[in-house]
Amino acid sequence: MMENVAKRRLKAAELEAKKTRLRIWTNYVPPAINSKAIHDQNFKGEYDFSTSVVEVVSGDCIVFADDSASYGSPLAERRVNLSSIRCPKIGNPRRDEKPTAYAREAREFLRTRLIGKQV
């Protein structure tokens, strides 16, 4: 639970630094938003929109930037689990869980192919 609070706090600090252009963000230019918004959040069918991948959590979970949310909103990033894929577990060092075989390789495979790409 604490890691989520800390992650949100760090993300908020980063967004504030980008907004006020502090230190390494002095020359930061926000990306142009040119994708269509997702109007019905309860729709269970297929959506047609374009976004970019910002994080690969594991071999079956990615985080992408949602252009339909306002800049700086907590909903600006969305986590997506790839369906019908059973990837090796990453493990949790805080609980003394070791990663299973090929867990890091699976994450690295997705990371090298998806980070920064339009999906």
PDB file of N, CA and C in Angstrom:
ATOM      1  N   MET A   1       0.814  -1.194   0.000  1.00  0.00           N
ATOM      2  CA  MET A   1       0.000   0.000   0.000  1.00  0.00           C
ATOM      3  C   MET A   1       0.861   1.263   0.000  1.00  0.00           C
ATOM      4  N   MET A   2       1.941   1.251   0.769  1.00  0.00           N
ATOM      5  CA  MET A   2       2.799   2.427   0.826  1.00  0.00           C
ATOM      6  C   MET A   2       3.458   2.714  -0.520  1.00  0.00           C
ATOM      7  N   GLU A   3       3.768   1.671  -1.268  1.00  0.00           N
ATOM      8  CA  GLU A   3       4.435   1.905  -2.537  1.00  0.00           C
ATOM      9  C   GLU A   3       3.527   2.660  -3.500  1.00  0.00           C
ATOM     10  N   ASN A   4       2.202   2.425  -3.444  1.00  0.00           N
ATOM     11  CA  ASN A   4       1.276   3.164  -4.302  1.00  0.00           C
ATOM     12  C   ASN A   4       1.221   4.636  -3.911  1.00  0.00           C
ATOM     13  N   VAL A   5       1.213   4.901  -2.605  1.00  0.00           N
ATOM     14  CA  VAL A   5       1.191   6.284  -2.128  1.00  0.00           C
ATOM     15  C   VAL A   5       2.479   6.989  -2.536  1.00  0.00           C
ATOM     16  N   ALA A   6       3.600   6.318  -2.351  1.00  0.00           N
ATOM     17  CA  ALA A   6       4.887   6.907  -2.719  1.00  0.00           C
ATOM     18  C   ALA A   6       4.969   7.131  -4.226  1.00  0.00           C
ATOM     19  N   LYS A   7       4.446   6.191  -5.003  1.00  0.00           N
ATOM     20  CA  LYS A   7       4.479   6.323  -6.458  1.00  0.00           C
ATOM     21  C   LYS A   7       3.637   7.517  -6.908  1.00  0.00           C
ATOM     22  N   ARG A   8       2.454   7.682  -6.298  1.00  0.00           N
ATOM     23  CA  ARG A   8       1.606   8.823  -6.643  1.00  0.00           C
ATOM     24  C   ARG A   8       2.263  10.145  -6.265  1.00  0.00           C
ATOM     25  N   ARG A   9       2.916  10.159  -5.097  1.00  0.00           N
ATOM     26  CA  ARG A   9       3.579  11.371  -4.636  1.00  0.00           C
ATOM     27  C   ARG A   9       4.714  11.754  -5.595  1.00  0.00           C
ATOM     28  N   LEU A  10       5.493  10.760  -6.013  1.00  0.00           N
ATOM     29  CA  LEU A  10       6.582  11.026  -6.951  1.00  0.00           C
ATOM     30  C   LEU A  10       6.057  11.489  -8.309  1.00  0.00           C
ATOM     31  N   LYS A  11       4.975  10.857  -8.770  1.00  0.00           N
ATOM     32  CA  LYS A  11       4.387  11.231 -10.055  1.00  0.00           C
ATOM     33  C   LYS A  11       3.846  12.657  -9.999  1.00  0.00           C
ATOM     34  N   ALA A  12       3.204  13.011  -8.875  1.00  0.00           N
ATOM     35  CA  ALA A  12       2.686  14.370  -8.719  1.00  0.00           C
ATOM     36  C   ALA A  12       3.825  15.385  -8.699  1.00  0.00           C
ATOM     37  N   ALA A  13       4.924  15.042  -8.028  1.00  0.00           N
ATOM     38  CA  ALA A  13       6.084  15.939  -7.989  1.00  0.00           C
ATOM     39  C   ALA A  13       6.689  16.104  -9.382  1.00  0.00           C
ATOM     40  N   GLU A  14       6.742  15.011 -10.145  1.00  0.00           N
ATOM     41  CA  GLU A  14       7.268  15.089 -11.508  1.00  0.00           C
ATOM     42  C   GLU A  14       6.384  15.967 -12.387  1.00  0.00           C
ATOM     43  N   LEU A  15       5.063  15.792 -12.277  1.00  0.00           N
ATOM     44  CA  LEU A  15       4.147  16.601 -13.077  1.00  0.00           C
ATOM     45  C   LEU A  15       4.252  18.080 -12.713  1.00  0.00           C
ATOM     46  N   GLU A  16       4.393  18.366 -11.420  1.00  0.00           N
ATOM     47  CA  GLU A  16       4.548  19.755 -10.977  1.00  0.00           C
ATOM     48  C   GLU A  16       5.852  20.352 -11.516  1.00  0.00           C
ATOM     49  N   ALA A  17       6.931  19.561 -11.488  1.00  0.00           N
ATOM     50  CA  ALA A  17       8.215  20.033 -12.013  1.00  0.00           C
ATOM     51  C   ALA A  17       8.133  20.277 -13.518  1.00  0.00           C
ATOM     52  N   LYS A  18       7.417  19.416 -14.229  1.00  0.00           N
ATOM     53  CA  LYS A  18       7.246  19.613 -15.670  1.00  0.00           C
ATOM     54  C   LYS A  18       6.438  20.874 -15.944  1.00  0.00           C
ATOM     55  N   LYS A  19       5.391  21.078 -15.137  1.00  0.00           N
ATOM     56  CA  LYS A  19       4.522  22.228 -15.331  1.00  0.00           C
ATOM     57  C   LYS A  19       5.253  23.546 -15.075  1.00  0.00           C
ATOM     58  N   THR A  20       6.081  23.574 -14.021  1.00  0.00           N
ATOM     59  CA  THR A  20       6.807  24.798 -13.674  1.00  0.00           C
ATOM     60  C   THR A  20       8.197  24.853 -14.304  1.00  0.00           C
ATOM     61  N   ARG A  21       8.558  23.789 -15.028  1.00  0.00           N
ATOM     62  CA  ARG A  21       9.838  23.692 -15.748  1.00  0.00           C
ATOM     63  C   ARG A  21      11.036  23.899 -14.832  1.00  0.00           C
ATOM     64  N   LEU A  22      11.095  23.059 -13.816  1.00  0.00           N
ATOM     65  CA  LEU A  22      12.200  23.090 -12.866  1.00  0.00           C
ATOM     66  C   LEU A  22      13.338  22.190 -13.321  1.00  0.00           C
ATOM     67  N   ARG A  23      14.546  22.558 -13.018  1.00  0.00           N
ATOM     68  CA  ARG A  23      15.782  21.800 -13.198  1.00  0.00           C
ATOM     69  C   ARG A  23      15.854  21.078 -14.539  1.00  0.00           C
ATOM     70  N   ILE A  24      15.763  19.760 -14.557  1.00  0.00           N
ATOM     71  CA  ILE A  24      15.939  19.032 -15.824  1.00  0.00           C
ATOM     72  C   ILE A  24      14.771  19.229 -16.781  1.00  0.00           C
ATOM     73  N   TRP A  25      13.681  19.809 -16.298  1.00  0.00           N
ATOM     74  CA  TRP A  25      12.497  19.998 -17.132  1.00  0.00           C
ATOM     75  C   TRP A  25      12.421  21.414 -17.703  1.00  0.00           C
ATOM     76  N   THR A  26      13.519  22.179 -17.686  1.00  0.00           N
ATOM     77  CA  THR A  26      13.482  23.565 -18.170  1.00  0.00           C
ATOM     78  C   THR A  26      13.108  23.659 -19.648  1.00  0.00           C
ATOM     79  N   ASN A  27      13.530  22.718 -20.450  1.00  0.00           N
ATOM     80  CA  ASN A  27      13.230  22.743 -21.884  1.00  0.00           C
ATOM     81  C   ASN A  27      12.144  21.745 -22.263  1.00  0.00           C
ATOM     82  N   TYR A  28      11.371  21.288 -21.294  1.00  0.00           N
ATOM     83  CA  TYR A  28      10.339  20.277 -21.538  1.00  0.00           C
ATOM     84  C   TYR A  28       9.190  20.864 -22.351  1.00  0.00           C
ATOM     85  N   VAL A  29       8.784  20.135 -23.377  1.00  0.00           N
ATOM     86  CA  VAL A  29       7.627  20.502 -24.185  1.00  0.00           C
ATOM     87  C   VAL A  29       6.650  19.336 -24.120  1.00  0.00           C
ATOM     88  N   PRO A  30       5.423  19.557 -23.614  1.00  0.00           N
ATOM     89  CA  PRO A  30       4.466  18.454 -23.533  1.00  0.00           C
ATOM     90  C   PRO A  30       4.142  17.908 -24.919  1.00  0.00           C
ATOM     91  N   PRO A  31       3.903  16.599 -25.016  1.00  0.00           N
ATOM     92  CA  PRO A  31       3.594  16.007 -26.319  1.00  0.00           C
ATOM     93  C   PRO A  31       2.254  16.514 -26.849  1.00  0.00           C
ATOM     94  N   ALA A  32       2.153  16.596 -28.161  1.00  0.00           N
ATOM     95  CA  ALA A  32       0.904  17.024 -28.786  1.00  0.00           C
ATOM     96  C   ALA A  32      -0.138  15.931 -28.628  1.00  0.00           C
ATOM     97  N   ILE A  33      -1.331  16.335 -28.280  1.00  0.00           N
ATOM     98  CA  ILE A  33      -2.423  15.375 -28.096  1.00  0.00           C
ATOM     99  C   ILE A  33      -3.281  15.418 -29.351  1.00  0.00           C
ATOM    100  N   ASN A  34      -3.307  14.298 -30.058  1.00  0.00           N
ATOM    101  CA  ASN A  34      -4.056  14.279 -31.307  1.00  0.00           C
ATOM    102  C   ASN A  34      -4.877  13.010 -31.483  1.00  0.00           C
ATOM    103  N   SER A  35      -5.170  12.317 -30.407  1.00  0.00           N
ATOM    104  CA  SER A  35      -5.959  11.099 -30.547  1.00  0.00           C
ATOM    105  C   SER A  35      -7.404  11.369 -30.149  1.00  0.00           C
ATOM    106  N   LYS A  36      -8.282  10.452 -30.498  1.00  0.00           N
ATOM    107  CA  LYS A  36      -9.697  10.590 -30.172  1.00  0.00           C
ATOM    108  C   LYS A  36      -9.931  10.199 -28.715  1.00  0.00           C
ATOM    109  N   ALA A  37     -10.876  10.858 -28.091  1.00  0.00           N
ATOM    110  CA  ALA A  37     -11.200  10.568 -26.695  1.00  0.00           C
ATOM    111  C   ALA A  37     -12.089   9.336 -26.607  1.00  0.00           C
ATOM    112  N   ILE A  38     -11.957   8.615 -25.498  1.00  0.00           N
ATOM    113  CA  ILE A  38     -12.844   7.494 -25.213  1.00  0.00           C
ATOM    114  C   ILE A  38     -14.036   8.076 -24.474  1.00  0.00           C
ATOM    115  N   HIS A  39     -15.204   8.051 -25.083  1.00  0.00           N
ATOM    116  CA  HIS A  39     -16.355   8.727 -24.496  1.00  0.00           C
ATOM    117  C   HIS A  39     -17.066   7.890 -23.446  1.00  0.00           C
ATOM    118  N   ASP A  40     -17.377   6.641 -23.731  1.00  0.00           N
ATOM    119  CA  ASP A  40     -18.149   5.813 -22.807  1.00  0.00           C
ATOM    120  C   ASP A  40     -17.206   4.894 -22.047  1.00  0.00           C
ATOM    121  N   GLN A  41     -16.920   5.208 -20.789  1.00  0.00           N
ATOM    122  CA  GLN A  41     -15.974   4.430 -19.992  1.00  0.00           C
ATOM    123  C   GLN A  41     -16.526   3.054 -19.609  1.00  0.00           C
ATOM    124  N   ASN A  42     -17.842   2.842 -19.682  1.00  0.00           N
ATOM    125  CA  ASN A  42     -18.437   1.556 -19.311  1.00  0.00           C
ATOM    126  C   ASN A  42     -18.608   0.625 -20.504  1.00  0.00           C
ATOM    127  N   PHE A  43     -18.212   1.047 -21.675  1.00  0.00           N
ATOM    128  CA  PHE A  43     -18.329   0.241 -22.882  1.00  0.00           C
ATOM    129  C   PHE A  43     -17.396  -0.955 -22.795  1.00  0.00           C
ATOM    130  N   LYS A  44     -17.909  -2.166 -23.074  1.00  0.00           N
ATOM    131  CA  LYS A  44     -17.108  -3.386 -22.954  1.00  0.00           C
ATOM    132  C   LYS A  44     -16.624  -3.912 -24.302  1.00  0.00           C
ATOM    133  N   GLY A  45     -16.906  -3.233 -25.387  1.00  0.00           N
ATOM    134  CA  GLY A  45     -16.483  -3.682 -26.708  1.00  0.00           C
ATOM    135  C   GLY A  45     -15.100  -3.180 -27.061  1.00  0.00           C
ATOM    136  N   GLU A  46     -14.835  -3.039 -28.343  1.00  0.00           N
ATOM    137  CA  GLU A  46     -13.522  -2.586 -28.801  1.00  0.00           C
ATOM    138  C   GLU A  46     -13.504  -1.072 -28.969  1.00  0.00           C
ATOM    139  N   TYR A  47     -12.374  -0.475 -28.641  1.00  0.00           N
ATOM    140  CA  TYR A  47     -12.163   0.949 -28.849  1.00  0.00           C
ATOM    141  C   TYR A  47     -11.173   1.125 -29.985  1.00  0.00           C
ATOM    142  N   ASP A  48     -11.275   2.234 -30.656  1.00  0.00           N
ATOM    143  CA  ASP A  48     -10.320   2.560 -31.702  1.00  0.00           C
ATOM    144  C   ASP A  48      -9.643   3.871 -31.320  1.00  0.00           C
ATOM    145  N   PHE A  49      -8.453   3.775 -30.753  1.00  0.00           N
ATOM    146  CA  PHE A  49      -7.702   4.961 -30.380  1.00  0.00           C
ATOM    147  C   PHE A  49      -6.220   4.657 -30.442  1.00  0.00           C
ATOM    148  N   SER A  50      -5.423   5.708 -30.466  1.00  0.00           N
ATOM    149  CA  SER A  50      -3.978   5.562 -30.563  1.00  0.00           C
ATOM    150  C   SER A  50      -3.336   6.172 -29.330  1.00  0.00           C
ATOM    151  N   THR A  51      -2.343   5.493 -28.783  1.00  0.00           N
ATOM    152  CA  THR A  51      -1.662   5.963 -27.586  1.00  0.00           C
ATOM    153  C   THR A  51      -0.243   5.430 -27.585  1.00  0.00           C
ATOM    154  N   SER A  52       0.582   5.879 -26.656  1.00  0.00           N
ATOM    155  CA  SER A  52       1.957   5.386 -26.592  1.00  0.00           C
ATOM    156  C   SER A  52       2.211   4.678 -25.270  1.00  0.00           C
ATOM    157  N   VAL A  53       3.040   3.647 -25.312  1.00  0.00           N
ATOM    158  CA  VAL A  53       3.378   2.852 -24.138  1.00  0.00           C
ATOM    159  C   VAL A  53       4.437   3.599 -23.331  1.00  0.00           C
ATOM    160  N   VAL A  54       4.216   3.718 -22.007  1.00  0.00           N
ATOM    161  CA  VAL A  54       5.173   4.425 -21.154  1.00  0.00           C
ATOM    162  C   VAL A  54       5.873   3.506 -20.164  1.00  0.00           C
ATOM    163  N   GLU A  55       5.309   2.324 -19.889  1.00  0.00           N
ATOM    164  CA  GLU A  55       5.931   1.416 -18.920  1.00  0.00           C
ATOM    165  C   GLU A  55       5.513  -0.016 -19.218  1.00  0.00           C
ATOM    166  N   VAL A  56       6.432  -0.948 -19.015  1.00  0.00           N
ATOM    167  CA  VAL A  56       6.122  -2.371 -19.097  1.00  0.00           C
ATOM    168  C   VAL A  56       6.291  -2.927 -17.696  1.00  0.00           C
ATOM    169  N   VAL A  57       5.191  -3.377 -17.098  1.00  0.00           N
ATOM    170  CA  VAL A  57       5.209  -3.871 -15.723  1.00  0.00           C
ATOM    171  C   VAL A  57       5.738  -5.293 -15.681  1.00  0.00           C
ATOM    172  N   SER A  58       5.219  -6.129 -16.571  1.00  0.00           N
ATOM    173  CA  SER A  58       5.655  -7.522 -16.653  1.00  0.00           C
ATOM    174  C   SER A  58       5.462  -7.987 -18.089  1.00  0.00           C
ATOM    175  N   GLY A  59       5.630  -9.257 -18.318  1.00  0.00           N
ATOM    176  CA  GLY A  59       5.497  -9.788 -19.665  1.00  0.00           C
ATOM    177  C   GLY A  59       4.081  -9.780 -20.193  1.00  0.00           C
ATOM    178  N   ASP A  60       3.101  -9.511 -19.318  1.00  0.00           N
ATOM    179  CA  ASP A  60       1.715  -9.483 -19.763  1.00  0.00           C
ATOM    180  C   ASP A  60       0.968  -8.229 -19.324  1.00  0.00           C
ATOM    181  N   CYS A  61       1.667  -7.209 -18.847  1.00  0.00           N
ATOM    182  CA  CYS A  61       1.025  -5.987 -18.356  1.00  0.00           C
ATOM    183  C   CYS A  61       1.811  -4.756 -18.805  1.00  0.00           C
ATOM    184  N   ILE A  62       1.102  -3.819 -19.454  1.00  0.00           N
ATOM    185  CA  ILE A  62       1.738  -2.586 -19.911  1.00  0.00           C
ATOM    186  C   ILE A  62       0.956  -1.380 -19.393  1.00  0.00           C
ATOM    187  N   VAL A  63       1.625  -0.240 -19.320  1.00  0.00           N
ATOM    188  CA  VAL A  63       0.994   1.022 -18.934  1.00  0.00           C
ATOM    189  C   VAL A  63       1.146   1.970 -20.109  1.00  0.00           C
ATOM    190  N   PHE A  64       0.028   2.610 -20.501  1.00  0.00           N
ATOM    191  CA  PHE A  64       0.113   3.555 -21.601  1.00  0.00           C
ATOM    192  C   PHE A  64      -0.476   4.895 -21.202  1.00  0.00           C
ATOM    193  N   ALA A  65      -0.042   5.941 -21.879  1.00  0.00           N
ATOM    194  CA  ALA A  65      -0.527   7.296 -21.623  1.00  0.00           C
ATOM    195  C   ALA A  65      -1.862   7.465 -22.316  1.00  0.00           C
ATOM    196  N   ASP A  66      -2.877   7.862 -21.558  1.00  0.00           N
ATOM    197  CA  ASP A  66      -4.212   8.064 -22.108  1.00  0.00           C
ATOM    198  C   ASP A  66      -4.363   9.525 -22.506  1.00  0.00           C
ATOM    199  N   ASP A  67      -4.395   9.796 -23.795  1.00  0.00           N
ATOM    200  CA  ASP A  67      -4.481  11.167 -24.287  1.00  0.00           C
ATOM    201  C   ASP A  67      -5.844  11.797 -24.043  1.00  0.00           C
ATOM    202  N   SER A  68      -6.871  10.977 -23.763  1.00  0.00           N
ATOM    203  CA  SER A  68      -8.200  11.539 -23.548  1.00  0.00           C
ATOM    204  C   SER A  68      -8.321  12.185 -22.173  1.00  0.00           C
ATOM    205  N   ALA A  69      -7.459  11.809 -21.216  1.00  0.00           N
ATOM    206  CA  ALA A  69      -7.478  12.425 -19.889  1.00  0.00           C
ATOM    207  C   ALA A  69      -6.687  13.723 -19.934  1.00  0.00           C
ATOM    208  N   SER A  70      -7.069  14.657 -19.082  1.00  0.00           N
ATOM    209  CA  SER A  70      -6.362  15.937 -19.071  1.00  0.00           C
ATOM    210  C   SER A  70      -4.947  15.756 -18.542  1.00  0.00           C
ATOM    211  N   TYR A  71      -4.049  16.613 -18.979  1.00  0.00           N
ATOM    212  CA  TYR A  71      -2.639  16.533 -18.589  1.00  0.00           C
ATOM    213  C   TYR A  71      -2.514  16.716 -17.081  1.00  0.00           C
ATOM    214  N   GLY A  72      -1.818  15.812 -16.413  1.00  0.00           N
ATOM    215  CA  GLY A  72      -1.641  15.883 -14.973  1.00  0.00           C
ATOM    216  C   GLY A  72      -2.713  15.155 -14.190  1.00  0.00           C
ATOM    217  N   SER A  73      -3.721  14.638 -14.864  1.00  0.00           N
ATOM    218  CA  SER A  73      -4.796  13.912 -14.194  1.00  0.00           C
ATOM    219  C   SER A  73      -4.298  12.552 -13.729  1.00  0.00           C
ATOM    220  N   PRO A  74      -4.842  12.031 -12.598  1.00  0.00           N
ATOM    221  CA  PRO A  74      -4.448  10.684 -12.171  1.00  0.00           C
ATOM    222  C   PRO A  74      -4.866   9.612 -13.177  1.00  0.00           C
ATOM    223  N   LEU A  75      -5.812   9.930 -14.044  1.00  0.00           N
ATOM    224  CA  LEU A  75      -6.264   8.974 -15.060  1.00  0.00           C
ATOM    225  C   LEU A  75      -5.466   9.083 -16.353  1.00  0.00           C
ATOM    226  N   ALA A  76      -4.379   9.839 -16.336  1.00  0.00           N
ATOM    227  CA  ALA A  76      -3.596  10.050 -17.554  1.00  0.00           C
ATOM    228  C   ALA A  76      -2.847   8.798 -17.980  1.00  0.00           C
ATOM    229  N   GLU A  77      -2.654   7.843 -17.071  1.00  0.00           N
ATOM    230  CA  GLU A  77      -2.009   6.579 -17.411  1.00  0.00           C
ATOM    231  C   GLU A  77      -2.968   5.433 -17.126  1.00  0.00           C
ATOM    232  N   ARG A  78      -2.980   4.464 -18.020  1.00  0.00           N
ATOM    233  CA  ARG A  78      -3.855   3.295 -17.858  1.00  0.00           C
ATOM    234  C   ARG A  78      -3.036   2.024 -17.926  1.00  0.00           C
ATOM    235  N   ARG A  79      -3.380   1.073 -17.072  1.00  0.00           N
ATOM    236  CA  ARG A  79      -2.701  -0.218 -17.026  1.00  0.00           C
ATOM    237  C   ARG A  79      -3.557  -1.230 -17.786  1.00  0.00           C
ATOM    238  N   VAL A  80      -2.910  -1.968 -18.672  1.00  0.00           N
ATOM    239  CA  VAL A  80      -3.611  -2.944 -19.502  1.00  0.00           C
ATOM    240  C   VAL A  80      -2.933  -4.296 -19.354  1.00  0.00           C
ATOM    241  N   ASN A  81      -3.726  -5.332 -19.071  1.00  0.00           N
ATOM    242  CA  ASN A  81      -3.223  -6.701 -19.029  1.00  0.00           C
ATOM    243  C   ASN A  81      -3.563  -7.374 -20.351  1.00  0.00           C
ATOM    244  N   LEU A  82      -2.576  -7.981 -20.965  1.00  0.00           N
ATOM    245  CA  LEU A  82      -2.789  -8.669 -22.232  1.00  0.00           C
ATOM    246  C   LEU A  82      -3.548  -9.964 -21.961  1.00  0.00           C
ATOM    247  N   SER A  83      -4.625 -10.178 -22.695  1.00  0.00           N
ATOM    248  CA  SER A  83      -5.465 -11.345 -22.433  1.00  0.00           C
ATOM    249  C   SER A  83      -4.864 -12.616 -23.024  1.00  0.00           C
ATOM    250  N   SER A  84      -5.182 -13.728 -22.413  1.00  0.00           N
ATOM    251  CA  SER A  84      -4.776 -15.071 -22.853  1.00  0.00           C
ATOM    252  C   SER A  84      -3.268 -15.258 -22.882  1.00  0.00           C
ATOM    253  N   ILE A  85      -2.544 -14.490 -22.091  1.00  0.00           N
ATOM    254  CA  ILE A  85      -1.095 -14.657 -21.990  1.00  0.00           C
ATOM    255  C   ILE A  85      -0.767 -14.982 -20.548  1.00  0.00           C
ATOM    256  N   ARG A  86      -0.075 -16.083 -20.349  1.00  0.00           N
ATOM    257  CA  ARG A  86       0.366 -16.474 -19.008  1.00  0.00           C
ATOM    258  C   ARG A  86       1.869 -16.288 -18.951  1.00  0.00           C
ATOM    259  N   CYS A  87       2.268 -15.200 -18.387  1.00  0.00           N
ATOM    260  CA  CYS A  87       3.685 -14.850 -18.331  1.00  0.00           C
ATOM    261  C   CYS A  87       4.268 -15.299 -16.993  1.00  0.00           C
ATOM    262  N   PRO A  88       5.562 -15.577 -16.928  1.00  0.00           N
ATOM    263  CA  PRO A  88       6.193 -15.946 -15.654  1.00  0.00           C
ATOM    264  C   PRO A  88       6.071 -14.814 -14.636  1.00  0.00           C
ATOM    265  N   LYS A  89       5.916 -15.170 -13.371  1.00  0.00           N
ATOM    266  CA  LYS A  89       5.747 -14.185 -12.298  1.00  0.00           C
ATOM    267  C   LYS A  89       7.059 -13.462 -12.021  1.00  0.00           C
ATOM    268  N   ILE A  90       6.974 -12.148 -11.832  1.00  0.00           N
ATOM    269  CA  ILE A  90       8.146 -11.319 -11.544  1.00  0.00           C
ATOM    270  C   ILE A  90       8.662 -11.578 -10.135  1.00  0.00           C
ATOM    271  N   GLY A  91       7.782 -11.853  -9.191  1.00  0.00           N
ATOM    272  CA  GLY A  91       8.190 -12.035  -7.799  1.00  0.00           C
ATOM    273  C   GLY A  91       8.151 -10.718  -7.049  1.00  0.00           C
ATOM    274  N   ASN A  92       8.338 -10.786  -5.733  1.00  0.00           N
ATOM    275  CA  ASN A  92       8.318  -9.593  -4.895  1.00  0.00           C
ATOM    276  C   ASN A  92       9.455  -9.684  -3.894  1.00  0.00           C
ATOM    277  N   PRO A  93      10.486  -8.844  -4.037  1.00  0.00           N
ATOM    278  CA  PRO A  93      11.633  -8.930  -3.123  1.00  0.00           C
ATOM    279  C   PRO A  93      11.270  -8.618  -1.672  1.00  0.00           C
ATOM    280  N   ARG A  94      10.230  -7.829  -1.445  1.00  0.00           N
ATOM    281  CA  ARG A  94       9.812  -7.516  -0.073  1.00  0.00           C
ATOM    282  C   ARG A  94       9.222  -8.727   0.631  1.00  0.00           C
ATOM    283  N   ARG A  95       8.649  -9.626  -0.136  1.00  0.00           N
ATOM    284  CA  ARG A  95       8.063 -10.851   0.434  1.00  0.00           C
ATOM    285  C   ARG A  95       8.978 -12.057   0.260  1.00  0.00           C
ATOM    286  N   ASP A  96      10.189 -11.828  -0.171  1.00  0.00           N
ATOM    287  CA  ASP A  96      11.159 -12.892  -0.445  1.00  0.00           C
ATOM    288  C   ASP A  96      10.695 -13.846  -1.539  1.00  0.00           C
ATOM    289  N   GLU A  97       9.933 -13.339  -2.493  1.00  0.00           N
ATOM    290  CA  GLU A  97       9.509 -14.143  -3.637  1.00  0.00           C
ATOM    291  C   GLU A  97      10.501 -13.907  -4.768  1.00  0.00           C
ATOM    292  N   LYS A  98      11.099 -14.965  -5.243  1.00  0.00           N
ATOM    293  CA  LYS A  98      12.056 -14.848  -6.342  1.00  0.00           C
ATOM    294  C   LYS A  98      11.318 -14.943  -7.674  1.00  0.00           C
ATOM    295  N   PRO A  99      11.834 -14.254  -8.697  1.00  0.00           N
ATOM    296  CA  PRO A  99      11.186 -14.348 -10.007  1.00  0.00           C
ATOM    297  C   PRO A  99      11.347 -15.743 -10.599  1.00  0.00           C
ATOM    298  N   THR A 100      10.319 -16.190 -11.305  1.00  0.00           N
ATOM    299  CA  THR A 100      10.406 -17.487 -11.964  1.00  0.00           C
ATOM    300  C   THR A 100      11.272 -17.356 -13.216  1.00  0.00           C
ATOM    301  N   ALA A 101      11.622 -18.494 -13.765  1.00  0.00           N
ATOM    302  CA  ALA A 101      12.504 -18.501 -14.938  1.00  0.00           C
ATOM    303  C   ALA A 101      11.885 -17.701 -16.080  1.00  0.00           C
ATOM    304  N   TYR A 102      12.684 -16.897 -16.739  1.00  0.00           N
ATOM    305  CA  TYR A 102      12.330 -16.100 -17.911  1.00  0.00           C
ATOM    306  C   TYR A 102      11.364 -14.947 -17.623  1.00  0.00           C
ATOM    307  N   ALA A 103      11.108 -14.616 -16.353  1.00  0.00           N
ATOM    308  CA  ALA A 103      10.216 -13.490 -16.045  1.00  0.00           C
ATOM    309  C   ALA A 103      10.837 -12.174 -16.502  1.00  0.00           C
ATOM    310  N   ARG A 104      12.095 -11.975 -16.183  1.00  0.00           N
ATOM    311  CA  ARG A 104      12.763 -10.726 -16.581  1.00  0.00           C
ATOM    312  C   ARG A 104      12.950 -10.663 -18.093  1.00  0.00           C
ATOM    313  N   GLU A 105      13.232 -11.795 -18.700  1.00  0.00           N
ATOM    314  CA  GLU A 105      13.411 -11.827 -20.153  1.00  0.00           C
ATOM    315  C   GLU A 105      12.108 -11.480 -20.870  1.00  0.00           C
ATOM    316  N   ALA A 106      10.972 -11.970 -20.336  1.00  0.00           N
ATOM    317  CA  ALA A 106       9.673 -11.674 -20.941  1.00  0.00           C
ATOM    318  C   ALA A 106       9.369 -10.180 -20.858  1.00  0.00           C
ATOM    319  N   ARG A 107       9.649  -9.576 -19.693  1.00  0.00           N
ATOM    320  CA  ARG A 107       9.420  -8.139 -19.530  1.00  0.00           C
ATOM    321  C   ARG A 107      10.347  -7.342 -20.451  1.00  0.00           C
ATOM    322  N   GLU A 108      11.601  -7.735 -20.522  1.00  0.00           N
ATOM    323  CA  GLU A 108      12.570  -7.031 -21.365  1.00  0.00           C
ATOM    324  C   GLU A 108      12.192  -7.149 -22.846  1.00  0.00           C
ATOM    325  N   PHE A 109      11.665  -8.310 -23.245  1.00  0.00           N
ATOM    326  CA  PHE A 109      11.220  -8.514 -24.623  1.00  0.00           C
ATOM    327  C   PHE A 109      10.143  -7.494 -24.994  1.00  0.00           C
ATOM    328  N   LEU A 110       9.135  -7.356 -24.124  1.00  0.00           N
ATOM    329  CA  LEU A 110       8.078  -6.378 -24.388  1.00  0.00           C
ATOM    330  C   LEU A 110       8.617  -4.951 -24.328  1.00  0.00           C
ATOM    331  N   ARG A 111       9.472  -4.676 -23.349  1.00  0.00           N
ATOM    332  CA  ARG A 111       9.990  -3.321 -23.161  1.00  0.00           C
ATOM    333  C   ARG A 111      10.741  -2.832 -24.398  1.00  0.00           C
ATOM    334  N   THR A 112      11.597  -3.684 -24.960  1.00  0.00           N
ATOM    335  CA  THR A 112      12.384  -3.269 -26.125  1.00  0.00           C
ATOM    336  C   THR A 112      11.520  -3.042 -27.356  1.00  0.00           C
ATOM    337  N   ARG A 113      10.372  -3.674 -27.413  1.00  0.00           N
ATOM    338  CA  ARG A 113       9.526  -3.546 -28.591  1.00  0.00           C
ATOM    339  C   ARG A 113       8.407  -2.516 -28.451  1.00  0.00           C
ATOM    340  N   LEU A 114       8.033  -2.151 -27.209  1.00  0.00           N
ATOM    341  CA  LEU A 114       6.859  -1.300 -27.042  1.00  0.00           C
ATOM    342  C   LEU A 114       7.111   0.095 -26.490  1.00  0.00           C
ATOM    343  N   ILE A 115       8.132   0.306 -25.678  1.00  0.00           N
ATOM    344  CA  ILE A 115       8.317   1.603 -25.019  1.00  0.00           C
ATOM    345  C   ILE A 115       8.432   2.724 -26.050  1.00  0.00           C
ATOM    346  N   GLY A 116       7.577   3.725 -25.897  1.00  0.00           N
ATOM    347  CA  GLY A 116       7.592   4.885 -26.788  1.00  0.00           C
ATOM    348  C   GLY A 116       6.895   4.681 -28.115  1.00  0.00           C
ATOM    349  N   LYS A 117       6.441   3.478 -28.402  1.00  0.00           N
ATOM    350  CA  LYS A 117       5.788   3.196 -29.683  1.00  0.00           C
ATOM    351  C   LYS A 117       4.295   3.510 -29.593  1.00  0.00           C
ATOM    352  N   GLN A 118       3.709   3.863 -30.731  1.00  0.00           N
ATOM    353  CA  GLN A 118       2.266   4.067 -30.818  1.00  0.00           C
ATOM    354  C   GLN A 118       1.582   2.715 -30.947  1.00  0.00           C
ATOM    355  N   VAL A 119       0.582   2.481 -30.123  1.00  0.00           N
ATOM    356  CA  VAL A 119      -0.183   1.227 -30.186  1.00  0.00           C
ATOM    357  C   VAL A 119      -1.645   1.528 -30.366  1.00  0.00           C
TER     358      VAL A 119
END
